[in-house]
Amino acid sequence: MPRSGWRVRRRSGSRVLVAALMAAALSIACVSAPPDGPPFTPATEPDPGDTLVYIYRSDPLRGVRAADIRIDSQDLGELKSGEYLSFLLAPGQHELGARLRWLQLIPRSWNRLGFLSKPGQTLYLKIWAGYDQQVQPATELRAASGAPANTEVGLFLAERDPAVALAELPAMRRSDGP
């Protein structure tokens, strides 16, 4: 009889060990590596017929994975917190889209931002994940992000004032994107 009790305890202990190993593996998979690209360097001013666009990401939360980003229907790759991209864009109406994926597989939160670019203009578009209680309540932010009401993280996009963006960009590193 004592032997049977030992087996039960052993199975229970192995289940705890397996659960702990799975939790550790998931936490490692969810941690994003810090950006390692070159430090921020201002791009050359756009020609009169183009728009210079900066897209950058700065999250108040740590450990949120890279976001998939696109302009109109063109995939621009992933952007981690602390990274930026800069590129030229034809003037006109455009849409920035971004999404987060849980375990890099399942869409978790996504959002879109329409914007109008003008010839010779420089635009600053910011992406961030988290809650911003100063803008509106967290439940409204979740709904605005396209995430389910029970999700913990929302993805947000906004056009930034040049003075604010130019103060934030020097802390960024260039992404591997286009």
Protein backbone atom coordinates (compact mmCIF):
# COMPACT_ATOMS: atom_id res chain seq x y z
CA MET A 1 0.00 0.00 0.00
CA PRO A 2 2.75 2.57 0.72
CA ARG A 3 4.19 1.87 -2.67
CA SER A 4 0.94 2.88 -4.38
CA GLY A 5 0.91 6.16 -2.45
CA TRP A 6 4.47 6.87 -3.57
CA ARG A 7 3.47 6.44 -7.22
CA VAL A 8 0.63 8.91 -6.86
CA ARG A 9 2.94 11.47 -5.32
CA ARG A 10 5.52 10.89 -8.04
CA ARG A 11 2.98 11.45 -10.80
CA SER A 12 1.77 14.57 -9.09
CA GLY A 13 5.35 15.84 -8.78
CA SER A 14 6.09 15.11 -12.43
CA ARG A 15 2.95 16.99 -13.47
CA VAL A 16 4.09 19.99 -11.49
CA LEU A 17 7.54 19.75 -13.10
CA VAL A 18 6.05 19.50 -16.61
CA ALA A 19 3.73 22.45 -15.92
CA ALA A 20 6.66 24.53 -14.62
CA LEU A 21 8.78 23.69 -17.67
CA MET A 22 5.91 24.61 -20.02
CA ALA A 23 5.37 27.91 -18.19
CA ALA A 24 9.08 28.71 -18.45
CA ALA A 25 9.14 27.88 -22.17
CA LEU A 26 6.10 30.07 -22.81
CA SER A 27 7.56 32.99 -20.86
CA ILE A 28 10.81 32.75 -22.86
CA ALA A 29 8.83 32.64 -26.12
CA CYS A 30 6.87 35.76 -25.13
CA VAL A 31 9.88 37.93 -24.28
CA SER A 32 11.03 40.20 -27.05
CA ALA A 33 14.75 40.74 -27.60
CA PRO A 34 15.86 44.36 -27.29
CA PRO A 35 16.39 46.26 -30.54
CA ASP A 36 19.91 45.97 -31.91
CA GLY A 37 19.79 48.06 -35.07
CA PRO A 38 21.78 51.24 -35.62
CA PRO A 39 20.85 54.27 -33.48
CA PHE A 40 18.41 56.86 -34.83
CA THR A 41 19.72 58.97 -37.69
CA PRO A 42 17.48 61.64 -39.25
CA ALA A 43 16.64 60.92 -42.88
CA THR A 44 17.25 63.40 -45.68
CA GLU A 45 14.40 65.86 -46.17
CA PRO A 46 11.87 64.66 -48.77
CA ASP A 47 11.72 65.96 -52.32
CA PRO A 48 8.82 68.33 -53.01
CA GLY A 49 6.85 65.46 -54.58
CA ASP A 50 7.31 62.93 -51.74
CA THR A 51 6.35 62.51 -48.09
CA LEU A 52 8.90 61.32 -45.53
CA VAL A 53 7.29 58.97 -43.01
CA TYR A 54 8.71 57.85 -39.68
CA ILE A 55 6.99 54.96 -37.92
CA TYR A 56 8.27 54.25 -34.44
CA ARG A 57 7.22 52.18 -31.47
CA SER A 58 7.62 52.88 -27.77
CA ASP A 59 5.64 50.72 -25.33
CA PRO A 60 4.96 51.54 -21.69
CA LEU A 61 4.74 47.76 -21.11
CA ARG A 62 7.77 45.47 -21.17
CA GLY A 63 7.86 42.07 -22.84
CA VAL A 64 5.33 42.75 -25.62
CA ARG A 65 6.40 40.98 -28.82
CA ALA A 66 7.08 42.66 -32.15
CA ALA A 67 4.11 44.11 -34.04
CA ASP A 68 3.46 43.30 -37.69
CA ILE A 69 3.09 46.55 -39.62
CA ARG A 70 1.95 47.51 -43.10
CA ILE A 71 1.20 50.59 -45.13
CA ASP A 72 -1.84 50.18 -47.36
CA SER A 73 -1.38 46.61 -48.61
CA GLN A 74 2.44 46.53 -48.37
CA ASP A 75 3.91 44.46 -45.53
CA LEU A 76 6.72 46.35 -43.76
CA GLY A 77 7.73 43.50 -41.43
CA GLU A 78 7.92 43.65 -37.65
CA LEU A 79 8.58 46.56 -35.32
CA LYS A 80 9.75 46.02 -31.73
CA SER A 81 9.41 48.54 -28.95
CA GLY A 82 12.33 50.96 -29.31
CA GLU A 83 12.56 50.63 -33.11
CA TYR A 84 11.71 52.95 -36.01
CA LEU A 85 11.45 52.93 -39.78
CA SER A 86 11.71 55.84 -42.20
CA PHE A 87 10.79 55.82 -45.87
CA LEU A 88 9.37 57.96 -48.67
CA LEU A 89 5.71 57.69 -49.59
CA ALA A 90 3.67 59.16 -52.45
CA PRO A 91 1.32 61.93 -51.30
CA GLY A 92 -2.31 60.95 -50.75
CA GLN A 93 -4.59 58.98 -48.46
CA HIS A 94 -2.93 55.98 -46.77
CA GLU A 95 -3.53 53.50 -43.98
CA LEU A 96 -1.09 52.22 -41.36
CA GLY A 97 -2.06 48.82 -39.95
CA ALA A 98 -0.45 47.00 -37.04
CA ARG A 99 -1.16 43.79 -35.13
CA LEU A 100 0.20 41.74 -32.28
CA ARG A 101 0.17 37.94 -32.28
CA TRP A 102 0.03 35.70 -29.22
CA LEU A 103 2.96 33.25 -29.36
CA GLN A 104 3.67 34.77 -32.79
CA LEU A 105 0.73 32.75 -34.20
CA ILE A 106 -2.70 33.91 -33.07
CA PRO A 107 -3.80 37.52 -33.77
CA ARG A 108 -4.27 39.19 -30.42
CA SER A 109 -4.77 42.88 -31.08
CA TRP A 110 -4.82 44.93 -34.25
CA ASN A 111 -5.56 48.48 -35.25
CA ARG A 112 -5.51 50.82 -38.25
CA LEU A 113 -4.83 54.52 -38.70
CA GLY A 114 -5.82 56.44 -41.80
CA PHE A 115 -3.70 59.47 -42.64
CA LEU A 116 -3.23 61.99 -45.44
CA SER A 117 0.31 62.67 -46.63
CA LYS A 118 1.15 65.89 -48.45
CA PRO A 119 4.01 66.68 -50.85
CA GLY A 120 7.20 67.76 -49.05
CA GLN A 121 5.77 66.84 -45.65
CA THR A 122 7.36 64.76 -42.87
CA LEU A 123 4.93 62.59 -40.87
CA TYR A 124 5.55 60.88 -37.54
CA LEU A 125 3.40 57.85 -36.75
CA LYS A 126 3.70 56.16 -33.35
CA ILE A 127 2.70 52.62 -32.36
CA TRP A 128 2.45 51.44 -28.77
CA ALA A 129 0.98 48.55 -26.80
CA GLY A 130 -0.68 48.95 -23.42
CA TYR A 131 -3.33 51.07 -21.74
CA ASP A 132 -3.33 54.86 -21.68
CA GLN A 133 -5.65 55.94 -18.86
CA GLN A 134 -5.12 59.62 -19.71
CA VAL A 135 -6.84 59.29 -23.08
CA GLN A 136 -9.89 57.16 -22.23
CA PRO A 137 -10.94 54.25 -19.98
CA ALA A 138 -9.22 50.90 -20.58
CA THR A 139 -12.42 49.20 -21.79
CA GLU A 140 -12.79 51.78 -24.57
CA LEU A 141 -9.13 51.37 -25.49
CA ARG A 142 -9.59 47.61 -25.80
CA ALA A 143 -12.59 48.11 -28.09
CA ALA A 144 -10.71 50.70 -30.18
CA SER A 145 -7.80 48.31 -30.63
CA GLY A 146 -9.95 45.57 -32.12
CA ALA A 147 -8.99 43.28 -29.24
CA PRO A 148 -11.56 41.22 -27.31
CA ALA A 149 -12.84 42.83 -24.11
CA ASN A 150 -10.97 40.32 -21.95
CA THR A 151 -7.55 40.89 -23.51
CA GLU A 152 -4.83 42.49 -21.45
CA VAL A 153 -2.98 44.47 -24.13
CA GLY A 154 -4.25 46.85 -26.80
CA LEU A 155 -2.27 48.12 -29.79
CA PHE A 156 -2.58 51.85 -30.52
CA LEU A 157 -1.56 54.11 -33.40
CA ALA A 158 -1.42 57.89 -33.61
CA GLU A 159 0.05 60.68 -35.69
CA ARG A 160 2.48 62.57 -33.43
CA ASP A 161 3.32 66.22 -33.26
CA PRO A 162 6.79 66.75 -34.81
CA ALA A 163 8.21 68.34 -31.62
CA VAL A 164 7.10 65.35 -29.50
CA ALA A 165 8.30 62.78 -32.06
CA LEU A 166 11.69 64.46 -32.47
CA ALA A 167 12.14 64.27 -28.68
CA GLU A 168 11.24 60.53 -28.66
CA LEU A 169 13.07 59.33 -31.79
CA PRO A 170 16.71 59.76 -30.57
CA ALA A 171 16.12 56.86 -28.15
CA MET A 172 15.06 54.54 -31.03
CA ARG A 173 17.07 52.08 -33.10
CA ARG A 174 16.52 51.38 -36.80
CA SER A 175 14.44 48.29 -37.61
CA ASP A 176 15.55 45.66 -40.12
CA GLY A 177 12.47 46.48 -42.24
CA PRO A 178 12.55 48.35 -45.58
